[in-house]
Structures are given as structure tokens and as C-alpha cells.
Amino acid sequence: MKILVVGGAGYIGSHTCLDLHAKGFTPVVFDNLENGHEEFVRWGPFERGDILDTDRVHEVIARYQPEAIVHFAALIEVGQSVQAPLAFYRNNVAGTISLLSAARRAGVRRMVFSSTCATYGLPQHLPLTEGHPQRPLSPYGRTKLMVEDILRDMSGADDFRSVSLRYFNAAGADPEGRIGEWHEPETHAIPLALEVALGRRRDFKIFGDDYDTRDGTCVRDYVHVMDLADAHSRAVQYLLDDGASISINLGTGTGTTVKELLDKIEAVTRRKLNVVEAARRPGDAPVLVADNELAREVLGWSPRYDLSEIVGTAWNWHSRSNM
């Protein structure tokens, strides 16, 4: 059974392809390689193209006739979205409309969408439940919320069904070290810290140490990328089993401060990190921690990897790679 994975050469997309393949699906990767890596396409066919090219998307869908689409293709860097919002609205919103138009024309009516906890904005209560108000702090979060709204409207208009997965901080790597986290430029906390541990970067910057948290630094819910991949595969099966459209959080339910994360990285790598303090970044919420009960109930999903395993698999990947 073929599943079209749009953005499948990227970080979470490639790990999802690995998981889909392990569960008996054939992932067909569609990616423009702007942020993805062709070396990560190992578990099914590869088709190069851009989601803004509706005819090209339709051509690929018509050729492979997938049972569902998993949609990862997006610009994701929060700070960059503040500086260049139009690029994010064009790619993330207009690109999704193009993808959906091609899918409907080809008769595909199931989609798993890669959304984000950034749609919630400043928490009014913790942990964050799916019913929490959605008031994004950044253009990135607003583009993801717009796509969620589009998918909800489509579910009310015809037989189109979708699962929007709002995941928290993706981290870690394939435990066997075949693929891992690779962004250019890198902006995520764990790989940045590991680059310092490896001597590839001079220091690690903590953006803000005066938040109202237990040690003044931001609190995040780090979830292993293979746990996220497992949830996407489960969401595909949920739709194949005629599940209704729904939005679901993906996180561990455990919050870790930036300083606690750095302590864990030093313990795993056995290396001291050079850390400097910097100003807060626009668009950062002080605390983001998931309530994952709905994922357990609907998808039968629960996280398998703890923070030590997240850092350990990431360290294994980064220390062996030549990026």
C-alpha cells in the first residue's frame, strides 16, 4: 500500500518513511530538496518536485495512486518566519492549497498533516490540551493554524478526512544511526549543543534566562523522532480504518529546561559545553508541555524514548556523520 510522503527527505519525514516501511507500507517521497536530503530517501521511490507546482503533484499522485498523503513540506524556523513572513505564507499555506487541490483532483481523500504546538501561543494552562485556545505568537505558527483550519473546512465540505498532529520538540535520531537530524543552517537546541561538544561550534547560546520557570530558561517537551514517526504511521492507519478528522498532540508530557537539557547532554557526551547567555528570541513561549492523553486514546500511541535515549541517539548520529 503506497503512502505519499510530501517532504519525506527531511528530518521527521525520512524517519516516518523508515517507520512506514517497517510496518508494511511503501512510502513515496515527494520533495524539492530545499531542506531535505536525497541520501535520506531509502525506503521507497523518490519524486522531485515542489508542492506549489500543482500539476507536478497531480502527476505523481496519479502515477502512484497512494491511499493517503503525509504532509511535512513546510518552512519551520520560527525566527526566520518573523523576518520573512511572506515566504512562510507562500510555502506553508499556498503550497498546502496546491497540494490539496492536486489530491482532490486525483481522488485522494486522506491526509496526515505535520502541525505544531506553536499554534497554541502563550499557555493559559499546562499541560496543553487540544482544546486550548490557538493564538500563535509567530507567522510560522499562524501558517500551521491556517492549514488546520483549511483541513477542518474540507472535512465539513466533502468526504475528505485528516489528522493534524501537533507535535512538540522533535529530537533524537534513528537508533541504528542510518539517518538523523540535519538542517542547514542548524537552529535546534540538541544538535547545536552536540556540535559544541564535537568542537564544530564554539559555544551554545541560551536565549533568555529570566523566564518565569524553575531555572529561568525555557521549558520544552522533547519527543523522540521515532516516536513521532510511529504516531504518523498510526494516524495513517487510523484514516484507512475510516477514522474521523481530528487534531492530536504529540509529546511526552514532561518538560525540560534548557539548562537541564545541557546537563543531560554533558552527562551523555562526557564533555563540558561552552555556554553563553543571549537575549530572548521573538516568538518563544516560556513553557510548552503536552497533554498526550488523546493520542493514547485515539492512536494507541505513547512515547517509548526518554531524554537520555533522545540525546544518546542524537549523539550517535552526529558523532558519526560528516555533515
Protein backbone atom coordinates (compact mmCIF):
# COMPACT_ATOMS: atom_id res chain seq x y z
CA MET A 1 0.00 0.00 0.00
CA LYS A 2 1.56 3.29 -1.14
CA ILE A 3 1.64 6.43 1.00
CA LEU A 4 2.78 9.75 -0.49
CA VAL A 5 5.15 11.44 1.96
CA VAL A 6 5.49 15.09 0.97
CA GLY A 7 8.68 16.46 2.46
CA GLY A 8 9.85 12.90 3.04
CA ALA A 9 13.54 13.73 2.55
CA GLY A 10 13.54 15.95 5.63
CA TYR A 11 14.18 15.14 9.26
CA ILE A 12 10.83 13.89 10.57
CA GLY A 13 9.63 12.88 7.11
CA SER A 14 12.53 10.50 6.48
CA HIS A 15 12.13 8.84 9.88
CA THR A 16 8.43 8.43 9.15
CA CYS A 17 9.30 6.74 5.85
CA LEU A 18 11.53 4.35 7.79
CA ASP A 19 8.65 3.55 10.16
CA LEU A 20 6.04 3.23 7.39
CA HIS A 21 8.28 0.79 5.54
CA ALA A 22 8.80 -1.27 8.70
CA LYS A 23 5.02 -1.51 9.05
CA GLY A 24 4.47 -2.79 5.52
CA PHE A 25 3.71 0.42 3.61
CA THR A 26 5.60 1.78 0.58
CA PRO A 27 6.46 5.45 1.20
CA VAL A 28 6.70 7.51 -1.98
CA VAL A 29 8.75 10.62 -1.25
CA PHE A 30 7.91 13.93 -2.93
CA ASP A 31 10.42 16.65 -2.03
CA ASN A 32 12.07 19.67 -3.63
CA LEU A 33 15.26 19.04 -1.60
CA GLU A 34 15.38 22.69 -0.46
CA ASN A 35 15.66 21.47 3.12
CA GLY A 36 15.66 17.70 2.58
CA HIS A 37 18.42 15.29 1.60
CA GLU A 38 18.17 12.72 -1.16
CA GLU A 39 20.52 10.47 0.87
CA PHE A 40 17.68 10.08 3.39
CA VAL A 41 15.32 8.55 0.80
CA ARG A 42 15.97 4.85 1.37
CA TRP A 43 12.64 3.10 1.82
CA GLY A 44 10.69 3.82 -1.35
CA PRO A 45 10.58 5.76 -4.64
CA PHE A 46 11.67 9.39 -4.88
CA GLU A 47 9.97 12.08 -6.97
CA ARG A 48 11.47 15.56 -7.02
CA GLY A 49 9.08 18.49 -7.17
CA ASP A 50 7.58 21.44 -5.37
CA ILE A 51 4.14 21.47 -3.75
CA LEU A 52 3.45 24.86 -5.38
CA ASP A 53 3.54 23.08 -8.75
CA THR A 54 0.02 21.64 -8.65
CA ASP A 55 0.30 19.84 -11.99
CA ARG A 56 3.53 18.10 -10.93
CA VAL A 57 1.95 17.00 -7.64
CA HIS A 58 -1.09 15.68 -9.51
CA GLU A 59 1.13 13.81 -11.96
CA VAL A 60 2.90 11.99 -9.11
CA ILE A 61 -0.33 11.20 -7.27
CA ALA A 62 -1.94 9.89 -10.46
CA ARG A 63 1.09 7.67 -11.16
CA TYR A 64 1.37 6.05 -7.73
CA GLN A 65 -2.27 6.27 -6.57
CA PRO A 66 -1.45 6.48 -2.86
CA GLU A 67 -4.04 5.60 -0.25
CA ALA A 68 -3.11 8.65 1.85
CA ILE A 69 -0.76 11.63 1.99
CA VAL A 70 1.52 12.55 4.88
CA HIS A 71 2.34 16.25 4.58
CA PHE A 72 5.61 17.56 6.08
CA ALA A 73 6.61 20.13 3.46
CA ALA A 74 6.99 23.46 5.26
CA LEU A 75 9.36 26.18 6.31
CA ILE A 76 9.75 25.71 10.06
CA GLU A 77 12.18 28.20 11.64
CA VAL A 78 10.24 30.49 13.98
CA GLY A 79 12.72 33.37 13.98
CA GLN A 80 13.01 33.32 10.22
CA SER A 81 9.22 33.49 9.92
CA VAL A 82 9.26 36.77 11.85
CA GLN A 83 11.84 38.18 9.43
CA ALA A 84 10.36 36.80 6.19
CA PRO A 85 6.65 36.09 6.76
CA LEU A 86 5.63 36.13 3.09
CA ALA A 87 7.89 33.19 2.29
CA PHE A 88 6.20 31.18 5.05
CA TYR A 89 2.66 32.05 3.94
CA ARG A 90 3.54 31.23 0.34
CA ASN A 91 5.15 27.88 1.05
CA ASN A 92 3.16 26.66 4.03
CA VAL A 93 -0.32 27.93 3.18
CA ALA A 94 -0.39 28.42 -0.61
CA GLY A 95 1.72 25.27 -1.03
CA THR A 96 -0.74 23.23 1.03
CA ILE A 97 -3.67 24.56 -1.00
CA SER A 98 -1.83 23.47 -4.15
CA LEU A 99 -1.21 20.02 -2.65
CA LEU A 100 -4.82 19.63 -1.56
CA SER A 101 -6.09 20.73 -4.98
CA ALA A 102 -3.95 18.07 -6.67
CA ALA A 103 -5.04 15.44 -4.16
CA ARG A 104 -8.74 16.14 -4.62
CA ARG A 105 -8.37 16.11 -8.41
CA ALA A 106 -6.74 12.69 -8.17
CA GLY A 107 -9.31 11.34 -5.72
CA VAL A 108 -7.11 11.10 -2.59
CA ARG A 109 -9.20 11.94 0.47
CA ARG A 110 -6.91 11.18 3.44
CA MET A 111 -4.11 13.34 4.83
CA VAL A 112 -1.92 13.33 7.92
CA PHE A 113 -0.68 16.87 8.49
CA SER A 114 2.51 17.84 10.32
CA SER A 115 1.31 20.61 12.62
CA THR A 116 2.85 22.06 15.74
CA CYS A 117 2.31 23.11 19.34
CA ALA A 118 3.28 26.60 18.14
CA THR A 119 -0.38 27.06 17.17
CA TYR A 120 -1.23 27.44 20.88
CA GLY A 121 0.86 30.51 21.68
CA LEU A 122 1.24 31.52 25.32
CA PRO A 123 -0.16 28.73 27.54
CA GLN A 124 -3.22 29.60 29.60
CA HIS A 125 -2.95 26.24 31.35
CA LEU A 126 -0.48 23.37 31.44
CA PRO A 127 -0.13 20.77 30.15
CA LEU A 128 -1.54 21.92 26.82
CA THR A 129 -4.66 20.06 25.72
CA GLU A 130 -6.07 20.01 22.19
CA GLY A 131 -8.89 22.28 23.34
CA HIS A 132 -6.50 25.04 24.44
CA PRO A 133 -7.09 28.34 22.56
CA GLN A 134 -4.90 28.64 19.47
CA ARG A 135 -3.23 32.05 19.40
CA PRO A 136 0.16 31.65 17.69
CA LEU A 137 3.00 34.01 18.53
CA SER A 138 4.77 33.79 15.15
CA PRO A 139 3.97 33.73 11.44
CA TYR A 140 5.19 30.11 11.43
CA GLY A 141 2.56 29.13 13.99
CA ARG A 142 -0.11 31.10 12.16
CA THR A 143 0.61 29.32 8.87
CA LYS A 144 0.20 25.94 10.58
CA LEU A 145 -3.06 27.04 12.20
CA MET A 146 -4.36 28.27 8.84
CA VAL A 147 -3.72 24.84 7.33
CA GLU A 148 -5.51 23.18 10.24
CA ASP A 149 -8.49 25.48 9.59
CA ILE A 150 -8.45 24.61 5.89
CA LEU A 151 -8.44 20.89 6.69
CA ARG A 152 -11.34 21.32 9.14
CA ASP A 153 -13.34 23.17 6.49
CA MET A 154 -12.61 20.48 3.90
CA SER A 155 -13.79 17.79 6.29
CA GLY A 156 -17.11 19.60 6.55
CA ALA A 157 -17.46 20.05 2.79
CA ASP A 158 -16.94 16.51 1.46
CA ASP A 159 -15.58 13.12 2.46
CA PHE A 160 -12.04 14.42 2.95
CA ARG A 161 -10.57 13.34 6.31
CA SER A 162 -7.39 14.40 8.05
CA VAL A 163 -5.32 14.08 11.20
CA SER A 164 -3.38 17.17 12.30
CA LEU A 165 -0.52 16.13 14.59
CA ARG A 166 0.60 18.97 16.84
CA TYR A 167 3.97 17.84 17.98
CA PHE A 168 6.25 19.42 20.46
CA ASN A 169 10.08 19.45 20.20
CA ALA A 170 11.25 16.72 17.83
CA ALA A 171 14.67 15.36 18.74
CA GLY A 172 16.90 12.30 18.50
CA ALA A 173 17.73 10.04 15.57
CA ASP A 174 17.22 6.56 14.16
CA PRO A 175 18.70 4.27 16.86
CA GLU A 176 20.62 2.38 14.17
CA GLY A 177 22.27 5.61 13.00
CA ARG A 178 21.10 5.42 9.39
CA ILE A 179 19.53 8.89 9.37
CA GLY A 180 19.34 11.77 11.82
CA GLU A 181 18.77 15.48 12.28
CA TRP A 182 20.40 17.55 9.53
CA HIS A 183 19.40 21.15 8.94
CA GLU A 184 21.28 23.85 7.06
CA PRO A 185 21.65 26.12 8.91
CA GLU A 186 21.03 24.29 12.16
CA THR A 187 18.71 26.02 14.64
CA HIS A 188 17.58 23.26 17.01
CA ALA A 189 18.90 23.02 20.55
CA ILE A 190 20.18 19.45 20.77
CA PRO A 191 22.18 19.35 17.50
CA LEU A 192 23.57 22.82 18.24
CA ALA A 193 24.80 21.66 21.64
CA LEU A 194 26.23 18.46 20.17
CA GLU A 195 28.15 20.48 17.60
CA VAL A 196 29.75 22.34 20.52
CA ALA A 197 30.58 19.02 22.17
CA LEU A 198 32.21 17.88 18.92
CA GLY A 199 34.24 21.07 18.54
CA ARG A 200 32.37 22.09 15.39
CA ARG A 201 30.83 25.16 17.05
CA ARG A 202 32.43 27.49 19.59
CA ASP A 203 29.56 27.91 22.04
CA PHE A 204 25.90 27.25 22.79
CA LYS A 205 23.64 30.27 23.26
CA ILE A 206 20.84 30.27 25.84
CA PHE A 207 18.22 32.69 24.55
CA GLY A 208 16.83 34.19 27.73
CA ASP A 209 17.50 33.18 31.33
CA ASP A 210 14.86 35.37 33.00
CA TYR A 211 11.69 33.43 32.19
CA ASP A 212 9.30 32.52 34.99
CA THR A 213 10.49 28.91 35.11
CA ARG A 214 12.39 26.84 37.67
CA ASP A 215 15.81 27.99 36.45
CA GLY A 216 14.90 30.97 34.26
CA THR A 217 15.25 29.18 30.91
CA CYS A 218 12.52 27.98 28.55
CA VAL A 219 10.83 24.66 29.19
CA ARG A 220 10.18 22.33 26.28
CA ASP A 221 8.74 18.84 25.79
CA TYR A 222 11.33 16.84 23.83
CA VAL A 223 9.88 13.85 21.95
CA HIS A 224 11.94 11.31 20.02
CA VAL A 225 11.66 11.49 16.25
CA MET A 226 10.96 7.74 16.03
CA ASP A 227 8.05 8.19 18.44
CA LEU A 228 6.74 10.90 16.13
CA ALA A 229 7.25 8.60 13.14
CA ASP A 230 5.28 5.87 14.89
CA ALA A 231 2.44 8.31 15.53
CA HIS A 232 2.29 9.32 11.85
CA SER A 233 2.07 5.68 10.78
CA ARG A 234 -0.67 5.10 13.35
CA ALA A 235 -2.52 8.18 12.06
CA VAL A 236 -2.35 6.79 8.51
CA GLN A 237 -3.84 3.51 9.70
CA TYR A 238 -6.49 5.41 11.68
CA LEU A 239 -7.63 7.15 8.48
CA LEU A 240 -7.52 3.90 6.49
CA ASP A 241 -9.83 2.47 9.16
CA ASP A 242 -12.28 5.33 8.44
CA GLY A 243 -11.38 7.46 11.44
CA ALA A 244 -12.89 10.95 11.56
CA SER A 245 -10.88 14.16 11.19
CA ILE A 246 -9.11 15.13 14.39
CA SER A 247 -6.22 17.16 15.84
CA ILE A 248 -3.86 15.42 18.27
CA ASN A 249 -0.92 16.49 20.45
CA LEU A 250 2.31 14.51 20.35
CA GLY A 251 4.60 14.99 23.32
CA THR A 252 5.90 13.16 26.37
CA GLY A 253 4.10 15.29 28.94
CA THR A 254 7.45 16.04 30.61
CA GLY A 255 9.05 19.47 30.45
CA THR A 256 12.81 20.05 30.39
CA THR A 257 14.50 23.44 30.80
CA VAL A 258 17.33 24.46 28.52
CA LYS A 259 19.79 24.20 31.40
CA GLU A 260 18.53 20.72 32.32
CA LEU A 261 18.90 19.70 28.68
CA LEU A 262 22.50 20.91 28.64
CA ASP A 263 23.23 18.98 31.84
CA LYS A 264 21.88 15.83 30.19
CA ILE A 265 23.97 16.41 27.06
CA GLU A 266 27.12 16.86 29.14
CA ALA A 267 26.34 13.64 31.01
CA VAL A 268 25.75 11.62 27.83
CA THR A 269 28.72 13.02 25.87
CA ARG A 270 31.01 13.34 28.90
CA ARG A 271 32.10 16.70 27.55
CA LYS A 272 31.84 20.17 29.04
CA LEU A 273 29.95 22.70 26.91
CA ASN A 274 30.88 26.34 26.49
CA VAL A 275 27.60 28.17 27.18
CA VAL A 276 26.83 31.89 26.73
CA GLU A 277 23.69 33.84 27.53
CA ALA A 278 21.84 35.84 24.89
CA ALA A 279 18.67 37.91 24.63
CA ARG A 280 15.26 36.31 24.30
CA ARG A 281 14.09 35.46 20.79
CA PRO A 282 10.79 36.87 19.49
CA GLY A 283 8.04 34.27 19.31
CA ASP A 284 9.35 31.97 22.07
CA ALA A 285 6.84 30.86 24.71
CA PRO A 286 8.25 30.28 28.22
CA VAL A 287 6.76 26.79 28.67
CA LEU A 288 5.35 24.25 26.20
CA VAL A 289 4.40 20.83 27.57
CA ALA A 290 1.90 18.42 26.03
CA ASP A 291 -1.12 16.63 27.36
CA ASN A 292 -0.91 13.43 25.27
CA GLU A 293 -3.96 11.58 26.54
CA LEU A 294 -5.88 11.94 23.25
CA ALA A 295 -3.01 10.34 21.32
CA ARG A 296 -3.14 7.39 23.71
CA GLU A 297 -6.92 7.04 23.34
CA VAL A 298 -7.26 7.56 19.57
CA LEU A 299 -3.99 6.21 18.17
CA GLY A 300 -2.90 3.84 20.93
CA TRP A 301 0.32 5.87 20.97
CA SER A 302 2.69 6.52 23.81
CA PRO A 303 6.32 7.73 23.78
CA ARG A 304 8.93 4.99 24.15
CA TYR A 305 12.15 7.00 24.44
CA ASP A 306 13.23 9.12 27.43
CA LEU A 307 15.52 12.16 27.36
CA SER A 308 18.70 10.11 27.85
CA GLU A 309 17.80 7.97 24.82
CA ILE A 310 16.87 11.04 22.79
CA VAL A 311 20.26 12.63 23.46
CA GLY A 312 22.08 9.30 23.09
CA THR A 313 20.69 8.52 19.64
CA ALA A 314 21.35 12.11 18.52
CA TRP A 315 24.93 11.89 19.82
CA ASN A 316 25.44 8.60 17.98
CA TRP A 317 24.28 10.19 14.72
CA HIS A 318 26.15 13.49 14.99
CA SER A 319 29.42 11.96 16.20
CA ARG A 320 29.45 9.58 13.21
CA SER A 321 28.18 11.91 10.49
CA ASN A 322 30.31 14.15 8.27
CA MET A 323 27.84 16.94 7.74
